[in-house]
C-alpha atoms as a PDB file:
ATOM      1  CA  MET A   1      67.509 258.327 110.947  1.00  0.00           C
ATOM      2  CA  LEU A   2      70.208 260.569 110.803  1.00  0.00           C
ATOM      3  CA  PRO A   3      73.867 260.016 110.437  1.00  0.00           C
ATOM      4  CA  LYS A   4      75.732 259.663 113.822  1.00  0.00           C
ATOM      5  CA  ILE A   5      77.960 262.755 112.828  1.00  0.00           C
ATOM      6  CA  PHE A   6      75.038 264.772 113.343  1.00  0.00           C
ATOM      7  CA  LYS A   7      74.800 263.654 116.922  1.00  0.00           C
ATOM      8  CA  PRO A   8      76.046 266.289 119.459  1.00  0.00           C
ATOM      9  CA  TYR A   9      78.939 265.697 121.565  1.00  0.00           C
ATOM     10  CA  LYS A  10      78.384 265.618 125.352  1.00  0.00           C
ATOM     11  CA  SER A  11      78.043 269.141 126.976  1.00  0.00           C
ATOM     12  CA  ILE A  12      77.801 269.877 130.786  1.00  0.00           C
ATOM     13  CA  ARG A  13      73.942 270.413 131.110  1.00  0.00           C
ATOM     14  CA  LYS A  14      74.466 273.730 132.777  1.00  0.00           C
ATOM     15  CA  ASN A  15      76.687 275.221 130.276  1.00  0.00           C
ATOM     16  CA  LEU A  16      73.834 274.787 127.639  1.00  0.00           C
ATOM     17  CA  ILE A  17      71.429 277.740 127.551  1.00  0.00           C
ATOM     18  CA  ARG A  18      68.880 279.215 125.389  1.00  0.00           C
ATOM     19  CA  ILE A  19      68.966 282.495 124.034  1.00  0.00           C
ATOM     20  CA  GLY A  20      66.040 284.288 122.525  1.00  0.00           C
ATOM     21  CA  PRO A  21      62.404 283.245 122.232  1.00  0.00           C
ATOM     22  CA  LYS A  22      60.671 280.063 123.091  1.00  0.00           C
ATOM     23  CA  THR A  23      59.671 279.726 119.374  1.00  0.00           C
ATOM     24  CA  ASP A  24      61.285 280.397 116.029  1.00  0.00           C
ATOM     25  CA  GLY A  25      64.493 282.413 116.457  1.00  0.00           C
ATOM     26  CA  GLY A  26      65.695 280.942 119.596  1.00  0.00           C
ATOM     27  CA  TYR A  27      68.641 278.811 119.689  1.00  0.00           C
ATOM     28  CA  VAL A  28      70.636 276.824 122.338  1.00  0.00           C
ATOM     29  CA  ILE A  29      74.206 277.820 122.826  1.00  0.00           C
ATOM     30  CA  ASP A  30      77.052 277.259 125.085  1.00  0.00           C
ATOM     31  CA  LYS A  31      77.257 279.831 127.756  1.00  0.00           C
ATOM     32  CA  ARG A  32      81.005 279.928 127.885  1.00  0.00           C
ATOM     33  CA  VAL A  33      81.127 281.831 124.661  1.00  0.00           C
ATOM     34  CA  ILE A  34      79.203 284.885 125.819  1.00  0.00           C
ATOM     35  CA  LYS A  35      81.860 286.705 127.554  1.00  0.00           C
ATOM     36  CA  LYS A  36      84.500 285.515 125.347  1.00  0.00           C
ATOM     37  CA  SER A  37      82.737 287.059 121.999  1.00  0.00           C
ATOM     38  CA  ASN A  38      83.010 290.547 120.982  1.00  0.00           C
ATOM     39  CA  THR A  39      80.705 290.364 117.770  1.00  0.00           C
ATOM     40  CA  ILE A  40      77.947 288.385 116.390  1.00  0.00           C
ATOM     41  CA  ILE A  41      77.973 287.997 112.618  1.00  0.00           C
ATOM     42  CA  THR A  42      74.330 287.500 111.410  1.00  0.00           C
ATOM     43  CA  CYS A  43      73.837 286.204 107.714  1.00  0.00           C
ATOM     44  CA  GLY A  44      70.028 286.091 107.041  1.00  0.00           C
ATOM     45  CA  LEU A  45      68.049 288.638 109.028  1.00  0.00           C
ATOM     46  CA  ASN A  46      64.501 288.799 107.758  1.00  0.00           C
ATOM     47  CA  ASP A  47      62.498 290.601 110.675  1.00  0.00           C
ATOM     48  CA  ASP A  48      63.901 288.746 113.628  1.00  0.00           C
ATOM     49  CA  TRP A  49      66.894 289.715 115.772  1.00  0.00           C
ATOM     50  CA  GLU A  50      65.430 288.532 118.998  1.00  0.00           C
ATOM     51  CA  PHE A  51      68.591 286.302 119.548  1.00  0.00           C
ATOM     52  CA  GLU A  52      71.046 289.137 118.884  1.00  0.00           C
ATOM     53  CA  LYS A  53      69.081 291.423 121.149  1.00  0.00           C
ATOM     54  CA  ASN A  54      68.877 289.038 123.934  1.00  0.00           C
ATOM     55  CA  PHE A  55      72.564 287.973 123.783  1.00  0.00           C
ATOM     56  CA  LEU A  56      73.717 291.598 124.116  1.00  0.00           C
ATOM     57  CA  LYS A  57      71.780 291.883 127.333  1.00  0.00           C
ATOM     58  CA  LEU A  58      74.333 289.206 128.570  1.00  0.00           C
ATOM     59  CA  ASN A  59      77.242 290.835 127.055  1.00  0.00           C
ATOM     60  CA  GLN A  60      76.796 294.438 126.412  1.00  0.00           C
ATOM     61  CA  ASN A  61      80.280 294.897 124.998  1.00  0.00           C
ATOM     62  CA  CYS A  62      79.245 292.740 121.938  1.00  0.00           C
ATOM     63  CA  LYS A  63      78.103 294.178 118.624  1.00  0.00           C
ATOM     64  CA  VAL A  64      76.192 292.737 115.865  1.00  0.00           C
ATOM     65  CA  ILE A  65      76.978 293.147 112.167  1.00  0.00           C
ATOM     66  CA  ALA A  66      73.942 291.662 109.946  1.00  0.00           C
ATOM     67  CA  TYR A  67      73.910 291.177 106.495  1.00  0.00           C
ATOM     68  CA  ASP A  68      70.675 290.563 104.407  1.00  0.00           C
ATOM     69  CA  HIS A  69      69.690 292.007 100.890  1.00  0.00           C
ATOM     70  CA  THR A  70      66.137 291.211 101.153  1.00  0.00           C
ATOM     71  CA  VAL A  71      65.616 293.628 104.245  1.00  0.00           C
ATOM     72  CA  ASN A  72      65.521 297.064 102.381  1.00  0.00           C
ATOM     73  CA  LYS A  73      62.922 299.832 102.130  1.00  0.00           C
ATOM     74  CA  GLU A  74      60.511 297.558  99.823  1.00  0.00           C
ATOM     75  CA  PHE A  75      60.577 294.815 102.367  1.00  0.00           C
ATOM     76  CA  TRP A  76      59.296 297.255 105.467  1.00  0.00           C
ATOM     77  CA  ASN A  77      56.779 299.206 103.055  1.00  0.00           C
ATOM     78  CA  LYS A  78      55.273 295.755 102.062  1.00  0.00           C
ATOM     79  CA  ARG A  79      55.350 294.521 105.738  1.00  0.00           C
ATOM     80  CA  LEU A  80      53.533 297.742 106.940  1.00  0.00           C
ATOM     81  CA  LYS A  81      50.895 297.626 104.344  1.00  0.00           C
ATOM     82  CA  LYS A  82      50.035 293.947 105.066  1.00  0.00           C
ATOM     83  CA  ASN A  83      49.991 294.692 108.659  1.00  0.00           C
ATOM     84  CA  LEU A  84      47.769 297.710 108.429  1.00  0.00           C
ATOM     85  CA  ILE A  85      45.333 295.653 106.102  1.00  0.00           C
ATOM     86  CA  ASN A  86      45.185 292.879 108.606  1.00  0.00           C
ATOM     87  CA  LEU A  87      44.645 295.496 111.473  1.00  0.00           C
ATOM     88  CA  LEU A  88      41.619 296.991 109.514  1.00  0.00           C
ATOM     89  CA  LYS A  89      40.080 293.398 109.072  1.00  0.00           C
ATOM     90  CA  PHE A  90      40.420 292.699 112.951  1.00  0.00           C
ATOM     91  CA  LYS A  91      43.201 290.145 112.127  1.00  0.00           C
ATOM     92  CA  LYS A  92      45.670 291.786 114.628  1.00  0.00           C
ATOM     93  CA  LEU A  93      43.862 292.344 117.863  1.00  0.00           C
ATOM     94  CA  ASN A  94      46.203 290.831 120.515  1.00  0.00           C
ATOM     95  CA  TYR A  95      48.821 293.459 122.049  1.00  0.00           C
ATOM     96  CA  GLY A  96      51.811 291.482 120.605  1.00  0.00           C
ATOM     97  CA  LYS A  97      50.458 291.797 116.947  1.00  0.00           C
ATOM     98  CA  ILE A  98      49.520 295.116 117.390  1.00  0.00           C
ATOM     99  CA  ILE A  99      53.179 296.049 118.508  1.00  0.00           C
ATOM    100  CA  ASP A 100      54.353 294.101 115.738  1.00  0.00           C
ATOM    101  CA  ILE A 101      53.064 296.517 113.332  1.00  0.00           C
ATOM    102  CA  PHE A 102      55.965 299.142 114.552  1.00  0.00           C
ATOM    103  CA  LYS A 103      58.770 296.487 113.882  1.00  0.00           C
ATOM    104  CA  HIS A 104      60.345 299.070 111.721  1.00  0.00           C
ATOM    105  CA  ASN A 105      60.959 301.261 114.492  1.00  0.00           C
ATOM    106  CA  GLU A 106      62.558 298.551 116.669  1.00  0.00           C
ATOM    107  CA  TYR A 107      64.628 297.852 113.752  1.00  0.00           C
ATOM    108  CA  ARG A 108      66.036 301.468 113.171  1.00  0.00           C
ATOM    109  CA  ILE A 109      66.668 301.652 117.225  1.00  0.00           C
ATOM    110  CA  PHE A 110      68.450 298.418 117.375  1.00  0.00           C
ATOM    111  CA  PHE A 111      70.669 298.977 114.099  1.00  0.00           C
ATOM    112  CA  LYS A 112      72.230 302.156 115.006  1.00  0.00           C
ATOM    113  CA  LYS A 113      75.486 303.285 116.857  1.00  0.00           C
ATOM    114  CA  LYS A 114      77.505 299.997 117.260  1.00  0.00           C
ATOM    115  CA  ASN A 115      75.145 297.692 115.434  1.00  0.00           C
ATOM    116  CA  ASN A 116      75.019 297.605 111.719  1.00  0.00           C
ATOM    117  CA  HIS A 117      72.898 295.988 108.974  1.00  0.00           C
ATOM    118  CA  HIS A 118      74.306 295.833 105.648  1.00  0.00           C
ATOM    119  CA  ILE A 119      71.691 295.400 102.682  1.00  0.00           C
ATOM    120  CA  LYS A 120      74.091 292.733 101.174  1.00  0.00           C
ATOM    121  CA  LYS A 121      73.876 289.212  99.903  1.00  0.00           C
ATOM    122  CA  VAL A 122      76.233 286.987 101.547  1.00  0.00           C
ATOM    123  CA  VAL A 123      78.197 284.917  98.963  1.00  0.00           C
ATOM    124  CA  LEU A 124      81.318 282.755  98.346  1.00  0.00           C
ATOM    125  CA  ASN A 125      82.557 285.216  95.585  1.00  0.00           C
ATOM    126  CA  LYS A 126      81.399 288.731  95.155  1.00  0.00           C
ATOM    127  CA  LYS A 127      79.997 289.099  91.556  1.00  0.00           C
ATOM    128  CA  GLU A 128      77.546 291.869  91.931  1.00  0.00           C
ATOM    129  CA  LYS A 129      77.625 295.312  93.693  1.00  0.00           C
ATOM    130  CA  HIS A 130      74.803 293.939  96.137  1.00  0.00           C
ATOM    131  CA  GLU A 131      76.816 291.018  97.096  1.00  0.00           C
ATOM    132  CA  VAL A 132      79.561 290.490  99.910  1.00  0.00           C
ATOM    133  CA  SER A 133      81.807 287.537 100.108  1.00  0.00           C
ATOM    134  CA  ILE A 134      81.906 285.529 103.439  1.00  0.00           C
ATOM    135  CA  LYS A 135      85.896 285.735 103.518  1.00  0.00           C
ATOM    136  CA  LYS A 136      85.762 289.634 103.262  1.00  0.00           C
ATOM    137  CA  ILE A 137      83.124 289.359 106.173  1.00  0.00           C
ATOM    138  CA  LEU A 138      85.368 287.483 108.349  1.00  0.00           C
ATOM    139  CA  SER A 139      88.597 288.831 107.122  1.00  0.00           C
ATOM    140  CA  SER A 140      89.216 291.306 110.176  1.00  0.00           C
ATOM    141  CA  GLN A 141      87.193 289.458 112.790  1.00  0.00           C
ATOM    142  CA  LYS A 142      87.955 287.408 115.823  1.00  0.00           C
ATOM    143  CA  ASN A 143      86.299 285.660 118.387  1.00  0.00           C
ATOM    144  CA  ILE A 144      82.929 285.944 116.693  1.00  0.00           C
ATOM    145  CA  ILE A 145      79.541 284.241 116.898  1.00  0.00           C
ATOM    146  CA  LEU A 146      78.749 283.263 113.094  1.00  0.00           C
ATOM    147  CA  LYS A 147      75.040 282.956 112.840  1.00  0.00           C
ATOM    148  CA  VAL A 148      73.678 281.671 109.489  1.00  0.00           C
ATOM    149  CA  ASP A 149      70.314 281.173 108.059  1.00  0.00           C
ATOM    150  CA  ILE A 150      70.328 282.030 104.380  1.00  0.00           C
ATOM    151  CA  GLU A 151      67.821 279.757 103.041  1.00  0.00           C
ATOM    152  CA  GLY A 152      69.880 276.959 101.166  1.00  0.00           C
ATOM    153  CA  ASP A 153      72.741 279.465 100.213  1.00  0.00           C
ATOM    154  CA  GLU A 154      74.695 278.286 103.301  1.00  0.00           C
ATOM    155  CA  TYR A 155      76.221 275.401 101.468  1.00  0.00           C
ATOM    156  CA  ASN A 156      78.252 277.716  99.425  1.00  0.00           C
ATOM    157  CA  LEU A 157      79.910 279.064 102.482  1.00  0.00           C
ATOM    158  CA  LEU A 158      80.964 275.807 104.424  1.00  0.00           C
ATOM    159  CA  LYS A 159      84.465 275.481 103.080  1.00  0.00           C
ATOM    160  CA  THR A 160      85.407 279.282 103.978  1.00  0.00           C
ATOM    161  CA  ILE A 161      83.664 278.762 107.490  1.00  0.00           C
ATOM    162  CA  ASN A 162      86.145 275.730 108.076  1.00  0.00           C
ATOM    163  CA  THR A 163      88.958 277.552 106.881  1.00  0.00           C
ATOM    164  CA  GLU A 164      88.375 280.591 109.035  1.00  0.00           C
ATOM    165  CA  HIS A 165      87.427 278.393 111.866  1.00  0.00           C
ATOM    166  CA  LYS A 166      90.046 280.349 114.250  1.00  0.00           C
ATOM    167  CA  LYS A 167      88.067 283.294 114.018  1.00  0.00           C
ATOM    168  CA  ILE A 168      84.905 281.523 115.171  1.00  0.00           C
ATOM    169  CA  ASN A 169      84.010 280.849 118.848  1.00  0.00           C
ATOM    170  CA  LEU A 170      80.510 279.463 117.902  1.00  0.00           C
ATOM    171  CA  LEU A 171      78.581 278.744 114.874  1.00  0.00           C
ATOM    172  CA  ILE A 172      74.719 278.985 114.645  1.00  0.00           C
ATOM    173  CA  ILE A 173      73.642 277.459 111.158  1.00  0.00           C
ATOM    174  CA  GLU A 174      70.591 276.182 109.694  1.00  0.00           C
ATOM    175  CA  PHE A 175      70.698 273.463 106.828  1.00  0.00           C
ATOM    176  CA  HIS A 176      67.985 273.505 104.408  1.00  0.00           C
ATOM    177  CA  LYS A 177      66.909 270.590 102.141  1.00  0.00           C
ATOM    178  CA  VAL A 178      68.950 268.347 104.439  1.00  0.00           C
ATOM    179  CA  LEU A 179      68.173 265.164 102.216  1.00  0.00           C
ATOM    180  CA  LYS A 180      69.292 266.672  99.193  1.00  0.00           C
ATOM    181  CA  ASN A 181      72.462 267.834 100.832  1.00  0.00           C
ATOM    182  CA  ILE A 182      73.199 265.339 103.689  1.00  0.00           C
ATOM    183  CA  ASN A 183      76.720 264.384 101.965  1.00  0.00           C
ATOM    184  CA  LYS A 184      77.700 268.338 101.953  1.00  0.00           C
ATOM    185  CA  ILE A 185      76.686 268.582 105.527  1.00  0.00           C
ATOM    186  CA  LYS A 186      78.593 265.292 106.351  1.00  0.00           C
ATOM    187  CA  LYS A 187      81.743 266.484 104.738  1.00  0.00           C
ATOM    188  CA  PHE A 188      81.690 269.788 106.352  1.00  0.00           C
ATOM    189  CA  LEU A 189      81.337 268.105 109.823  1.00  0.00           C
ATOM    190  CA  LEU A 190      84.045 265.633 109.112  1.00  0.00           C
ATOM    191  CA  LYS A 191      86.533 268.563 108.093  1.00  0.00           C
ATOM    192  CA  SER A 192      85.815 270.992 110.781  1.00  0.00           C
ATOM    193  CA  LYS A 193      87.356 271.939 113.973  1.00  0.00           C
ATOM    194  CA  LEU A 194      83.907 273.133 115.130  1.00  0.00           C
ATOM    195  CA  LYS A 195      81.912 270.480 117.120  1.00  0.00           C
ATOM    196  CA  VAL A 196      78.253 269.944 117.224  1.00  0.00           C
ATOM    197  CA  ILE A 197      76.847 270.480 120.620  1.00  0.00           C
ATOM    198  CA  HIS A 198      73.334 270.912 119.813  1.00  0.00           C
ATOM    199  CA  VAL A 199      70.814 270.062 116.888  1.00  0.00           C
ATOM    200  CA  HIS A 200      67.144 270.809 116.450  1.00  0.00           C
ATOM    201  CA  ALA A 201      64.731 270.277 113.833  1.00  0.00           C
ATOM    202  CA  ASN A 202      62.956 273.236 112.731  1.00  0.00           C
ATOM    203  CA  ASN A 203      59.271 271.954 112.106  1.00  0.00           C
ATOM    204  CA  PHE A 204      58.555 274.618 109.677  1.00  0.00           C
ATOM    205  CA  GLY A 205      60.188 272.494 107.331  1.00  0.00           C
ATOM    206  CA  SER A 206      58.193 269.459 108.078  1.00  0.00           C
ATOM    207  CA  ILE A 207      59.889 265.734 107.404  1.00  0.00           C
ATOM    208  CA  ASP A 208      61.147 264.253 104.100  1.00  0.00           C
ATOM    209  CA  LYS A 209      59.916 260.603 102.863  1.00  0.00           C
ATOM    210  CA  ASN A 210      62.320 258.790 105.447  1.00  0.00           C
ATOM    211  CA  GLY A 211      60.725 260.767 108.407  1.00  0.00           C
ATOM    212  CA  ASN A 212      63.935 263.088 108.818  1.00  0.00           C
ATOM    213  CA  PRO A 213      63.534 266.863 109.262  1.00  0.00           C
ATOM    214  CA  ASN A 214      63.971 268.807 106.064  1.00  0.00           C
ATOM    215  CA  VAL A 215      65.546 271.738 108.289  1.00  0.00           C
ATOM    216  CA  LEU A 216      67.950 271.081 110.836  1.00  0.00           C
ATOM    217  CA  GLU A 217      69.599 273.882 113.235  1.00  0.00           C
ATOM    218  CA  PHE A 218      73.083 273.274 114.399  1.00  0.00           C
ATOM    219  CA  THR A 219      75.200 274.847 117.184  1.00  0.00           C
ATOM    220  CA  LEU A 220      78.740 274.187 116.967  1.00  0.00           C
ATOM    221  CA  ILE A 221      81.623 275.175 119.106  1.00  0.00           C
ATOM    222  CA  ASN A 222      85.135 275.812 118.478  1.00  0.00           C
ATOM    223  CA  SER A 223      86.970 272.793 120.330  1.00  0.00           C
ATOM    224  CA  LYS A 224      90.408 274.646 120.054  1.00  0.00           C
ATOM    225  CA  LYS A 225      89.287 277.315 122.273  1.00  0.00           C
ATOM    226  CA  PHE A 226      86.707 275.670 124.530  1.00  0.00           C
ATOM    227  CA  LYS A 227      87.116 272.327 126.059  1.00  0.00           C
ATOM    228  CA  THR A 228      84.656 269.899 124.471  1.00  0.00           C
ATOM    229  CA  SER A 229      84.121 266.167 125.071  1.00  0.00           C
ATOM    230  CA  ASN A 230      84.844 263.559 122.699  1.00  0.00           C
ATOM    231  CA  LEU A 231      82.049 261.366 123.652  1.00  0.00           C
ATOM    232  CA  LYS A 232      78.664 261.716 121.779  1.00  0.00           C
ATOM    233  CA  SER A 233      75.850 262.924 124.022  1.00  0.00           C
ATOM    234  CA  ASN A 234      73.015 260.665 125.552  1.00  0.00           C
ATOM    235  CA  ASN A 235      70.328 263.232 125.262  1.00  0.00           C
ATOM    236  CA  LYS A 236      67.337 262.694 123.416  1.00  0.00           C
ATOM    237  CA  TYR A 237      66.470 265.622 120.920  1.00  0.00           C
ATOM    238  CA  PRO A 238      64.413 267.820 121.300  1.00  0.00           C
ATOM    239  CA  ILE A 239      65.637 268.730 124.828  1.00  0.00           C
ATOM    240  CA  PRO A 240      62.929 269.470 127.329  1.00  0.00           C
ATOM    241  CA  GLY A 241      63.332 273.031 128.649  1.00  0.00           C
ATOM    242  CA  LEU A 242      65.663 273.951 126.124  1.00  0.00           C
ATOM    243  CA  ASP A 243      64.189 273.213 122.885  1.00  0.00           C
ATOM    244  CA  PHE A 244      60.803 274.503 121.541  1.00  0.00           C
ATOM    245  CA  ARG A 245      58.874 274.370 118.460  1.00  0.00           C
ATOM    246  CA  ASN A 246      59.731 276.665 115.915  1.00  0.00           C
ATOM    247  CA  LEU A 247      55.836 276.609 114.770  1.00  0.00           C
ATOM    248  CA  ALA A 248      53.714 276.260 117.952  1.00  0.00           C
ATOM    249  CA  ARG A 249      50.615 274.821 116.257  1.00  0.00           C
ATOM    250  CA  ARG A 250      52.910 271.739 114.661  1.00  0.00           C
ATOM    251  CA  SER A 251      54.413 269.271 116.785  1.00  0.00           C
ATOM    252  CA  ASP A 252      58.114 269.025 117.359  1.00  0.00           C
ATOM    253  CA  ILE A 253      60.234 266.559 115.160  1.00  0.00           C
ATOM    254  CA  PRO A 254      62.028 263.716 117.367  1.00  0.00           C
ATOM    255  CA  LEU A 255      65.646 263.030 116.142  1.00  0.00           C
ATOM    256  CA  LYS A 256      67.166 259.500 115.771  1.00  0.00           C
ATOM    257  CA  PHE A 257      70.583 258.879 114.832  1.00  0.00           C
ATOM    258  CA  TYR A 258      72.358 255.685 113.540  1.00  0.00           C
ATOM    259  CA  ASP A 259      74.646 254.212 116.163  1.00  0.00           C
END
């Protein structure tokens, strides 16, 4: 079972919507933030910007600023080589997988003009040329959606996120190795002005020895900007129609919380 503090606060059901695919890369948010947000700050990009692309369809005045030091020329060359080999071995025969070969072209089209991708690693304090501090990223921002998926380095950013909460409308964050870092998550949530409105287990991460997920996706809203209940939700998680399996061939992970 998970700590009660992980359990989302009550939301009006019609306010919760899913943006992005019905698989990995889609997230549940509160629709009230859509028109009130002017920038999505994405920390951790990989080859998936479906959430950002779908969000911009709902708010064309919004822009995306992404940070990921691993998505560089070498990344795309390796990806193309692997995809071409799979195609030659007849492993990519459906339409979607064939189109996926040209992902780099989609990347170049999306990240131009108002949208930008910086090949930088997001850190607490910059020490190397290829790094950028989370404080610098947030320094000139306001009314943002902050999206964090940086494979374990998220824990280094939590204190700054709480300090800079006034600039954030909504936070989407993936916590990795939950059991190992459970006290860090609890401390962050206890001190935060951001309230949990949704949580989902990423089934790519499987479960720990206690039956709890190793990876959790949280959505938190700024309760100082958007009216939020002080009561905990009665929903069962995952929520049908909103939550979908990250990995389709593996069962979703039901969540249980201490009272």
